[in-house]
Every structure is written in C-alpha cells, then in structure tokens.
C-alpha cells in the first residue's frame, strides 16, 4: 500500500493550494507554512465581532464567526474558488476540520446540529455537490454532531450575488428558504454553515426561515469573510 501511495505521489504530486509547493505525506491541501499564515480573524474570541454585527437589528443570531479573511487576489482566495468550482471537495473537508479544531472549546461549538446553507437543485446538479455541506461535514467530524441536509430547503433559483449591493442581495434572497420536518429542530441550537459571508443576506434569509421553528437558536460559522 505504501509503495502504491509513493507511486501515485510521484506521478500525481499533491501541491499546496495556496503556494503550489509539493506537499509532504503528512500535509493536506496546504503546506505547513501556508496553513500557519492563513489570515485568521480570531472572531470566535469575542461575541461582538464584525460578522456578528452584520446581523444586529436584522435577525437574532446567538454567535457568529468566520475563520479567515477572503481577500481577492490573495493566495487563499484559491481555497474557496477551487472548492466551489474545481471539484476540490477535499479542501472543504480538511478546512472544515481545521476550522472546527480552532473553535471547538468556544460557545459556538455547543450546538445540537449543523445545517449547511442549501443550494438550489439546479445549481446542485450543475456543480455536483454543495460546498457548504462539505465544510459542514468536516466540522461535524470534530464536533461529533450530525449534519442535517433535509431541513432547510432552497425554494427558488437566484442569480449570483457577487456584483449586487447589500440591498439588492437582501431582495434577491428574501423568502428563498423554507423549513421541512420542523419538529426535529424544535428547541435545538443550530449551527448554520456557509463558505463565505459578505453582507450576510443569504444567511439572514436562512436564519429567518429557521427562526420560525419554536424554541430554536441559530449560530453561524463561515469559512471566510469578505
């Protein structure tokens, strides 16, 4: 088995997603140096952080955090881009585990279930997977919590949010999600998972739908914030 791994590594070397350096057998997705230099936010260390503030006066969120800053043009932008568009599910899984390990001892880890922001079936069919679900799976391995993918449903297809203003993003996402099997999450603490948060409009719309469930509490964790 080790010989086979060595042969695969020789013919198909694994490279760091950020810098392109050859990874060692113990490194995954990022080399040690690039992992160390991830532009971490440390938002999990204080409750009134900028991600939490996105939702103030809009929707009730218990805790909110993002792991790193998403700077366009940076080496770490490719983490999210390759996860979403290049079929690199391993990025979501490994980064989810690493993110969860850093917030495991915080209040945000005290949840009952993880729910990824859902994709519309048309987009899911085109992409082949939901990147937020992959991240949630990685987090679930560390948190030892179940990922629920059939509770929060996206009801309509929406255009890309990338070039929209904050107001237009909100209008684009308003009322796009519904809850099924409400009883399963009644009086539970839910961690809503997404890849990147910008204005918070998508997450706000998800949270509004979830908060229709009696006694539910919602927290938010995203891989990155832009």
Foldseek 3Di string as FASTA:
>chain_A
DVVVVVVCCVVPFDAAQQPRHTADPPDDNHHPVVVVPAAFDVQLVDAPDPVNVLCVVQFDADGEDAGGAQDPPHSCVSLVVCLQAVVPLSSLQVLLQVSLVVCVPGPLLPFAEEEELDAAPVSCVVRVHASQVSSRNNNCVVSVHYYDHQFKHFADHFDDCVPPDLVVLLVRQAPRIAGDPLVVQALTEYEYEDAEDESCNSVSNRNVRNVVRHNYHYHYYYHYYD
